[in-house]
Amino acid sequence: MTTETTATQAGDARITWHPARQARLVLALGHGAGGGIEARDLQALARVLPGHGVTVALVEQPWRVAGKKVAPPPKTLDTGWRGIWPALTGPGLPVVSGGRSAGARVACRTAGELGAHGVLALGFPLHPPGRPEKSRAGELLGSGVPTLVVQGGNDPFGKPEEFPDGAYELTEVPWGDHGFAVPKRAEVTQEEAVAIITDAAVKWTGSLA
């Protein structure tokens, strides 16, 4: 594991690399608006995917690096993501763009222009809680590249059955909330819930040509 700081027009970003020995892809994962790269799903993917030929790059947006508590507007998040892209493509491998929540939105919005090999959207915030009319489906449907959505069955930002039909794959984490936490009464354990995420990512990245 190595960490590097990269200058962007939105400020300095930070990339923590989890390299695969014989990498065939780079998976770049951004965090959400309410947390950082310590999120359970991001950490699990960084542990598991390098064993399957995928180097994982956990990206901290400039606002987090600067110690700010509140995420900036979407345009600024996109600027930060564009700024780290040259470092992600540095190894000379195809780059899959991804992230959780707000990071998933960034990945979808910028995938086409950056030439992403695919998008992994974790906990895509389809709408604000309780506001289904404020749909962000257009961002997801407009990614223009192979896309996998992994969504908690009880995510208040959009349950799996709320997602529109489209050219993407969707894996449900039963009982999971927006952070993929499951209650004690759930029929799956927390470990099993996390395994659903990593198994889906391993299978999907393995299918990418």
C-alpha atoms as a PDB file:
ATOM      1  CA  MET A   1       0.000   0.000   0.000  1.00  0.00           C
ATOM      2  CA  THR A   2       1.338   3.416  -0.998  1.00  0.00           C
ATOM      3  CA  THR A   3      -0.109   6.907  -0.808  1.00  0.00           C
ATOM      4  CA  GLU A   4       0.477   9.843  -3.125  1.00  0.00           C
ATOM      5  CA  THR A   5      -0.777  13.414  -3.236  1.00  0.00           C
ATOM      6  CA  THR A   6      -1.940  14.798  -6.567  1.00  0.00           C
ATOM      7  CA  ALA A   7      -2.618  18.440  -7.361  1.00  0.00           C
ATOM      8  CA  THR A   8      -5.972  19.270  -8.980  1.00  0.00           C
ATOM      9  CA  GLN A   9      -7.738  22.512  -9.831  1.00  0.00           C
ATOM     10  CA  ALA A  10      -9.908  21.881  -6.750  1.00  0.00           C
ATOM     11  CA  GLY A  11      -6.900  21.427  -4.442  1.00  0.00           C
ATOM     12  CA  ASP A  12      -4.677  18.521  -3.497  1.00  0.00           C
ATOM     13  CA  ALA A  13      -6.245  15.051  -3.662  1.00  0.00           C
ATOM     14  CA  ARG A  14      -4.800  11.876  -2.169  1.00  0.00           C
ATOM     15  CA  ILE A  15      -4.636   8.397  -3.692  1.00  0.00           C
ATOM     16  CA  THR A  16      -3.998   5.283  -1.619  1.00  0.00           C
ATOM     17  CA  TRP A  17      -2.896   2.430  -3.849  1.00  0.00           C
ATOM     18  CA  HIS A  18      -3.628  -1.226  -3.101  1.00  0.00           C
ATOM     19  CA  PRO A  19      -1.713  -2.920  -5.933  1.00  0.00           C
ATOM     20  CA  ALA A  20      -2.341  -6.285  -7.523  1.00  0.00           C
ATOM     21  CA  ARG A  21       0.737  -8.370  -8.353  1.00  0.00           C
ATOM     22  CA  GLN A  22      -0.347  -8.998 -11.919  1.00  0.00           C
ATOM     23  CA  ALA A  23      -2.821  -6.197 -12.474  1.00  0.00           C
ATOM     24  CA  ARG A  24      -5.067  -6.056 -15.514  1.00  0.00           C
ATOM     25  CA  LEU A  25      -7.296  -3.202 -14.319  1.00  0.00           C
ATOM     26  CA  VAL A  26      -7.227  -0.222 -11.996  1.00  0.00           C
ATOM     27  CA  LEU A  27     -10.394   0.392  -9.970  1.00  0.00           C
ATOM     28  CA  ALA A  28     -10.559   3.968  -8.684  1.00  0.00           C
ATOM     29  CA  LEU A  29     -13.004   4.491  -5.825  1.00  0.00           C
ATOM     30  CA  GLY A  30     -14.147   7.831  -4.452  1.00  0.00           C
ATOM     31  CA  HIS A  31     -15.899   8.332  -1.127  1.00  0.00           C
ATOM     32  CA  GLY A  32     -19.253   9.854  -0.279  1.00  0.00           C
ATOM     33  CA  ALA A  33     -20.188  13.331   0.908  1.00  0.00           C
ATOM     34  CA  GLY A  34     -20.483  12.232   4.523  1.00  0.00           C
ATOM     35  CA  GLY A  35     -17.357  10.125   4.966  1.00  0.00           C
ATOM     36  CA  GLY A  36     -14.007   9.074   3.611  1.00  0.00           C
ATOM     37  CA  ILE A  37     -12.179   6.046   2.311  1.00  0.00           C
ATOM     38  CA  GLU A  38     -12.631   4.252   5.637  1.00  0.00           C
ATOM     39  CA  ALA A  39     -16.133   3.194   4.501  1.00  0.00           C
ATOM     40  CA  ARG A  40     -16.688  -0.562   4.900  1.00  0.00           C
ATOM     41  CA  ASP A  41     -17.377  -1.222   1.236  1.00  0.00           C
ATOM     42  CA  LEU A  42     -14.344   0.697  -0.013  1.00  0.00           C
ATOM     43  CA  GLN A  43     -12.024  -0.994   2.479  1.00  0.00           C
ATOM     44  CA  ALA A  44     -13.412  -4.440   1.651  1.00  0.00           C
ATOM     45  CA  LEU A  45     -12.869  -3.953  -2.059  1.00  0.00           C
ATOM     46  CA  ALA A  46      -9.318  -2.728  -1.424  1.00  0.00           C
ATOM     47  CA  ARG A  47      -8.625  -5.936   0.528  1.00  0.00           C
ATOM     48  CA  VAL A  48     -10.201  -8.401  -1.885  1.00  0.00           C
ATOM     49  CA  LEU A  49      -9.828  -7.199  -5.466  1.00  0.00           C
ATOM     50  CA  PRO A  50      -6.002  -7.069  -5.674  1.00  0.00           C
ATOM     51  CA  GLY A  51      -6.085 -10.843  -5.286  1.00  0.00           C
ATOM     52  CA  HIS A  52      -8.101 -10.978  -8.507  1.00  0.00           C
ATOM     53  CA  GLY A  53      -5.865  -8.864 -10.713  1.00  0.00           C
ATOM     54  CA  VAL A  54      -7.424  -5.488  -9.920  1.00  0.00           C
ATOM     55  CA  THR A  55      -5.339  -2.689  -8.409  1.00  0.00           C
ATOM     56  CA  VAL A  56      -7.560  -0.553  -6.188  1.00  0.00           C
ATOM     57  CA  ALA A  57      -6.953   3.182  -5.835  1.00  0.00           C
ATOM     58  CA  LEU A  58      -8.873   4.810  -2.984  1.00  0.00           C
ATOM     59  CA  VAL A  59      -9.252   8.499  -3.774  1.00  0.00           C
ATOM     60  CA  GLU A  60      -9.733  11.230  -1.181  1.00  0.00           C
ATOM     61  CA  GLN A  61     -11.263  14.338  -2.680  1.00  0.00           C
ATOM     62  CA  PRO A  62      -9.507  17.678  -2.025  1.00  0.00           C
ATOM     63  CA  TRP A  63     -12.120  18.827   0.472  1.00  0.00           C
ATOM     64  CA  ARG A  64     -11.395  15.811   2.665  1.00  0.00           C
ATOM     65  CA  VAL A  65      -7.650  16.229   2.334  1.00  0.00           C
ATOM     66  CA  ALA A  66      -8.071  19.863   3.410  1.00  0.00           C
ATOM     67  CA  GLY A  67      -9.961  18.739   6.522  1.00  0.00           C
ATOM     68  CA  LYS A  68     -13.293  20.284   5.579  1.00  0.00           C
ATOM     69  CA  LYS A  69     -16.504  18.808   6.941  1.00  0.00           C
ATOM     70  CA  VAL A  70     -18.870  19.587   4.081  1.00  0.00           C
ATOM     71  CA  ALA A  71     -18.540  18.449   0.476  1.00  0.00           C
ATOM     72  CA  PRO A  72     -18.476  21.130  -2.236  1.00  0.00           C
ATOM     73  CA  PRO A  73     -20.934  21.317  -5.162  1.00  0.00           C
ATOM     74  CA  PRO A  74     -20.962  18.547  -7.777  1.00  0.00           C
ATOM     75  CA  LYS A  75     -18.985  20.595 -10.324  1.00  0.00           C
ATOM     76  CA  THR A  76     -16.122  20.953  -7.845  1.00  0.00           C
ATOM     77  CA  LEU A  77     -16.199  17.223  -7.071  1.00  0.00           C
ATOM     78  CA  ASP A  78     -15.993  16.496 -10.800  1.00  0.00           C
ATOM     79  CA  THR A  79     -13.039  18.888 -11.131  1.00  0.00           C
ATOM     80  CA  GLY A  80     -11.188  17.041  -8.389  1.00  0.00           C
ATOM     81  CA  TRP A  81     -11.884  13.687 -10.052  1.00  0.00           C
ATOM     82  CA  ARG A  82     -10.672  14.915 -13.434  1.00  0.00           C
ATOM     83  CA  GLY A  83      -7.493  16.133 -11.777  1.00  0.00           C
ATOM     84  CA  ILE A  84      -6.534  12.733 -10.381  1.00  0.00           C
ATOM     85  CA  TRP A  85      -7.221  10.845 -13.627  1.00  0.00           C
ATOM     86  CA  PRO A  86      -3.686  11.186 -15.094  1.00  0.00           C
ATOM     87  CA  ALA A  87      -2.273   9.519 -11.966  1.00  0.00           C
ATOM     88  CA  LEU A  88      -4.814   6.695 -12.280  1.00  0.00           C
ATOM     89  CA  THR A  89      -3.908   6.021 -15.906  1.00  0.00           C
ATOM     90  CA  GLY A  90      -0.189   6.204 -15.098  1.00  0.00           C
ATOM     91  CA  PRO A  91       0.233   2.415 -14.732  1.00  0.00           C
ATOM     92  CA  GLY A  92      -0.947   2.051 -18.336  1.00  0.00           C
ATOM     93  CA  LEU A  93      -3.966  -0.113 -17.500  1.00  0.00           C
ATOM     94  CA  PRO A  94      -7.687   0.361 -18.196  1.00  0.00           C
ATOM     95  CA  VAL A  95      -9.289   2.350 -15.378  1.00  0.00           C
ATOM     96  CA  VAL A  96     -12.709   1.564 -13.945  1.00  0.00           C
ATOM     97  CA  SER A  97     -14.199   4.626 -12.295  1.00  0.00           C
ATOM     98  CA  GLY A  98     -16.231   4.144  -9.142  1.00  0.00           C
ATOM     99  CA  GLY A  99     -17.222   5.261  -5.721  1.00  0.00           C
ATOM    100  CA  ARG A 100     -19.907   5.241  -3.107  1.00  0.00           C
ATOM    101  CA  SER A 101     -22.847   7.651  -2.924  1.00  0.00           C
ATOM    102  CA  ALA A 102     -21.667  11.086  -4.124  1.00  0.00           C
ATOM    103  CA  GLY A 103     -18.539   9.382  -5.431  1.00  0.00           C
ATOM    104  CA  ALA A 104     -20.709   7.115  -7.574  1.00  0.00           C
ATOM    105  CA  ARG A 105     -22.423  10.159  -9.060  1.00  0.00           C
ATOM    106  CA  VAL A 106     -19.048  11.703  -9.908  1.00  0.00           C
ATOM    107  CA  ALA A 107     -17.944   8.472 -11.597  1.00  0.00           C
ATOM    108  CA  CYS A 108     -21.117   8.339 -13.708  1.00  0.00           C
ATOM    109  CA  ARG A 109     -20.991  11.991 -14.704  1.00  0.00           C
ATOM    110  CA  THR A 110     -17.355  11.911 -15.848  1.00  0.00           C
ATOM    111  CA  ALA A 111     -16.999   8.366 -17.229  1.00  0.00           C
ATOM    112  CA  GLY A 112     -17.482   9.220 -20.880  1.00  0.00           C
ATOM    113  CA  GLU A 113     -15.206  12.231 -21.069  1.00  0.00           C
ATOM    114  CA  LEU A 114     -12.414  10.531 -19.118  1.00  0.00           C
ATOM    115  CA  GLY A 115     -12.556   7.291 -21.088  1.00  0.00           C
ATOM    116  CA  ALA A 116     -13.386   5.080 -18.097  1.00  0.00           C
ATOM    117  CA  HIS A 117     -13.460   1.345 -18.812  1.00  0.00           C
ATOM    118  CA  GLY A 118     -16.570   0.979 -16.639  1.00  0.00           C
ATOM    119  CA  VAL A 119     -18.334   2.368 -13.564  1.00  0.00           C
ATOM    120  CA  LEU A 120     -18.843   0.709 -10.186  1.00  0.00           C
ATOM    121  CA  ALA A 121     -21.581   2.591  -8.336  1.00  0.00           C
ATOM    122  CA  LEU A 122     -21.883   1.715  -4.646  1.00  0.00           C
ATOM    123  CA  GLY A 123     -25.000   2.986  -2.909  1.00  0.00           C
ATOM    124  CA  PHE A 124     -25.989   5.215  -5.821  1.00  0.00           C
ATOM    125  CA  PRO A 125     -28.128   8.041  -4.353  1.00  0.00           C
ATOM    126  CA  LEU A 126     -31.010   7.778  -6.786  1.00  0.00           C
ATOM    127  CA  HIS A 127     -32.861  10.536  -4.917  1.00  0.00           C
ATOM    128  CA  PRO A 128     -32.701  12.390  -1.583  1.00  0.00           C
ATOM    129  CA  PRO A 129     -34.417  10.422   1.211  1.00  0.00           C
ATOM    130  CA  GLY A 130     -38.169  10.831   0.971  1.00  0.00           C
ATOM    131  CA  ARG A 131     -37.927  12.788  -2.296  1.00  0.00           C
ATOM    132  CA  PRO A 132     -38.307  10.254  -5.114  1.00  0.00           C
ATOM    133  CA  GLU A 133     -39.378  13.026  -7.458  1.00  0.00           C
ATOM    134  CA  LYS A 134     -35.828  14.437  -7.296  1.00  0.00           C
ATOM    135  CA  SER A 135     -34.435  11.595  -9.377  1.00  0.00           C
ATOM    136  CA  ARG A 136     -30.768  11.407 -10.397  1.00  0.00           C
ATOM    137  CA  ALA A 137     -31.377   8.465 -12.711  1.00  0.00           C
ATOM    138  CA  GLY A 138     -30.144  10.509 -15.657  1.00  0.00           C
ATOM    139  CA  GLU A 139     -26.611  10.496 -14.259  1.00  0.00           C
ATOM    140  CA  LEU A 140     -26.606   6.724 -13.908  1.00  0.00           C
ATOM    141  CA  LEU A 141     -28.215   6.048 -17.273  1.00  0.00           C
ATOM    142  CA  GLY A 142     -25.842   8.499 -18.947  1.00  0.00           C
ATOM    143  CA  SER A 143     -22.577   6.875 -17.894  1.00  0.00           C
ATOM    144  CA  GLY A 144     -22.138   5.435 -21.383  1.00  0.00           C
ATOM    145  CA  VAL A 145     -19.926   2.566 -20.177  1.00  0.00           C
ATOM    146  CA  PRO A 146     -20.500  -0.858 -18.571  1.00  0.00           C
ATOM    147  CA  THR A 147     -21.902  -0.118 -15.124  1.00  0.00           C
ATOM    148  CA  LEU A 148     -22.518  -2.156 -11.992  1.00  0.00           C
ATOM    149  CA  VAL A 149     -24.725  -0.754  -9.235  1.00  0.00           C
ATOM    150  CA  VAL A 150     -24.527  -2.337  -5.774  1.00  0.00           C
ATOM    151  CA  GLN A 151     -27.454  -1.150  -3.673  1.00  0.00           C
ATOM    152  CA  GLY A 152     -28.714  -1.840  -0.162  1.00  0.00           C
ATOM    153  CA  GLY A 153     -32.191  -3.326   0.011  1.00  0.00           C
ATOM    154  CA  ASN A 154     -33.228  -0.677   2.569  1.00  0.00           C
ATOM    155  CA  ASP A 155     -31.308   2.283   1.192  1.00  0.00           C
ATOM    156  CA  PRO A 156     -33.355   5.446   1.843  1.00  0.00           C
ATOM    157  CA  PHE A 157     -31.588   7.091  -1.105  1.00  0.00           C
ATOM    158  CA  GLY A 158     -33.171   4.542  -3.433  1.00  0.00           C
ATOM    159  CA  LYS A 159     -34.160   0.918  -2.980  1.00  0.00           C
ATOM    160  CA  PRO A 160     -33.273  -1.529  -5.772  1.00  0.00           C
ATOM    161  CA  GLU A 161     -36.888  -1.787  -6.960  1.00  0.00           C
ATOM    162  CA  GLU A 162     -36.982   1.989  -7.512  1.00  0.00           C
ATOM    163  CA  PHE A 163     -34.229   1.914 -10.129  1.00  0.00           C
ATOM    164  CA  PRO A 164     -35.321   2.329 -13.747  1.00  0.00           C
ATOM    165  CA  ASP A 165     -34.591  -0.160 -16.470  1.00  0.00           C
ATOM    166  CA  GLY A 166     -31.335   0.556 -18.226  1.00  0.00           C
ATOM    167  CA  ALA A 167     -28.098  -0.784 -19.623  1.00  0.00           C
ATOM    168  CA  TYR A 168     -26.477  -1.570 -16.294  1.00  0.00           C
ATOM    169  CA  GLU A 169     -26.281  -4.428 -13.824  1.00  0.00           C
ATOM    170  CA  LEU A 170     -27.674  -4.192 -10.294  1.00  0.00           C
ATOM    171  CA  THR A 171     -26.763  -6.301  -7.269  1.00  0.00           C
ATOM    172  CA  GLU A 172     -28.847  -6.007  -4.103  1.00  0.00           C
ATOM    173  CA  VAL A 173     -27.413  -6.292  -0.609  1.00  0.00           C
ATOM    174  CA  PRO A 174     -30.448  -7.570   1.334  1.00  0.00           C
ATOM    175  CA  TRP A 175     -31.359  -5.478   4.378  1.00  0.00           C
ATOM    176  CA  GLY A 176     -28.484  -3.082   3.724  1.00  0.00           C
ATOM    177  CA  ASP A 177     -28.822   0.632   4.367  1.00  0.00           C
ATOM    178  CA  HIS A 178     -26.971   3.402   2.503  1.00  0.00           C
ATOM    179  CA  GLY A 179     -23.673   2.316   4.051  1.00  0.00           C
ATOM    180  CA  PHE A 180     -24.517  -1.396   3.631  1.00  0.00           C
ATOM    181  CA  ALA A 181     -24.990  -1.848   7.366  1.00  0.00           C
ATOM    182  CA  VAL A 182     -27.495  -4.602   8.181  1.00  0.00           C
ATOM    183  CA  PRO A 183     -29.559  -4.839  11.398  1.00  0.00           C
ATOM    184  CA  LYS A 184     -29.041  -7.698  13.833  1.00  0.00           C
ATOM    185  CA  ARG A 185     -32.423  -9.153  12.880  1.00  0.00           C
ATOM    186  CA  ALA A 186     -31.361  -9.449   9.238  1.00  0.00           C
ATOM    187  CA  GLU A 187     -31.167 -12.820   7.549  1.00  0.00           C
ATOM    188  CA  VAL A 188     -27.589 -12.060   6.531  1.00  0.00           C
ATOM    189  CA  THR A 189     -24.676 -11.154   8.791  1.00  0.00           C
ATOM    190  CA  GLN A 190     -22.622  -8.015   8.275  1.00  0.00           C
ATOM    191  CA  GLU A 191     -19.781 -10.157   6.967  1.00  0.00           C
ATOM    192  CA  GLU A 192     -22.094 -11.854   4.477  1.00  0.00           C
ATOM    193  CA  ALA A 193     -23.419  -8.491   3.344  1.00  0.00           C
ATOM    194  CA  VAL A 194     -19.899  -7.240   2.639  1.00  0.00           C
ATOM    195  CA  ALA A 195     -19.096 -10.483   0.821  1.00  0.00           C
ATOM    196  CA  ILE A 196     -22.029  -9.875  -1.522  1.00  0.00           C
ATOM    197  CA  ILE A 197     -20.404  -6.570  -2.489  1.00  0.00           C
ATOM    198  CA  THR A 198     -16.937  -7.982  -3.062  1.00  0.00           C
ATOM    199  CA  ASP A 199     -18.192 -11.104  -4.852  1.00  0.00           C
ATOM    200  CA  ALA A 200     -20.242  -8.978  -7.247  1.00  0.00           C
ATOM    201  CA  ALA A 201     -17.262  -6.710  -7.937  1.00  0.00           C
ATOM    202  CA  VAL A 202     -14.924  -9.652  -8.536  1.00  0.00           C
ATOM    203  CA  LYS A 203     -17.353 -11.250 -10.989  1.00  0.00           C
ATOM    204  CA  TRP A 204     -18.139  -8.009 -12.791  1.00  0.00           C
ATOM    205  CA  THR A 205     -14.543  -6.809 -13.162  1.00  0.00           C
ATOM    206  CA  GLY A 206     -13.647 -10.292 -14.374  1.00  0.00           C
ATOM    207  CA  SER A 207     -16.189  -9.905 -17.173  1.00  0.00           C
ATOM    208  CA  LEU A 208     -14.716  -6.669 -18.475  1.00  0.00           C
ATOM    209  CA  ALA A 209     -12.711  -7.245 -21.647  1.00  0.00           C
END
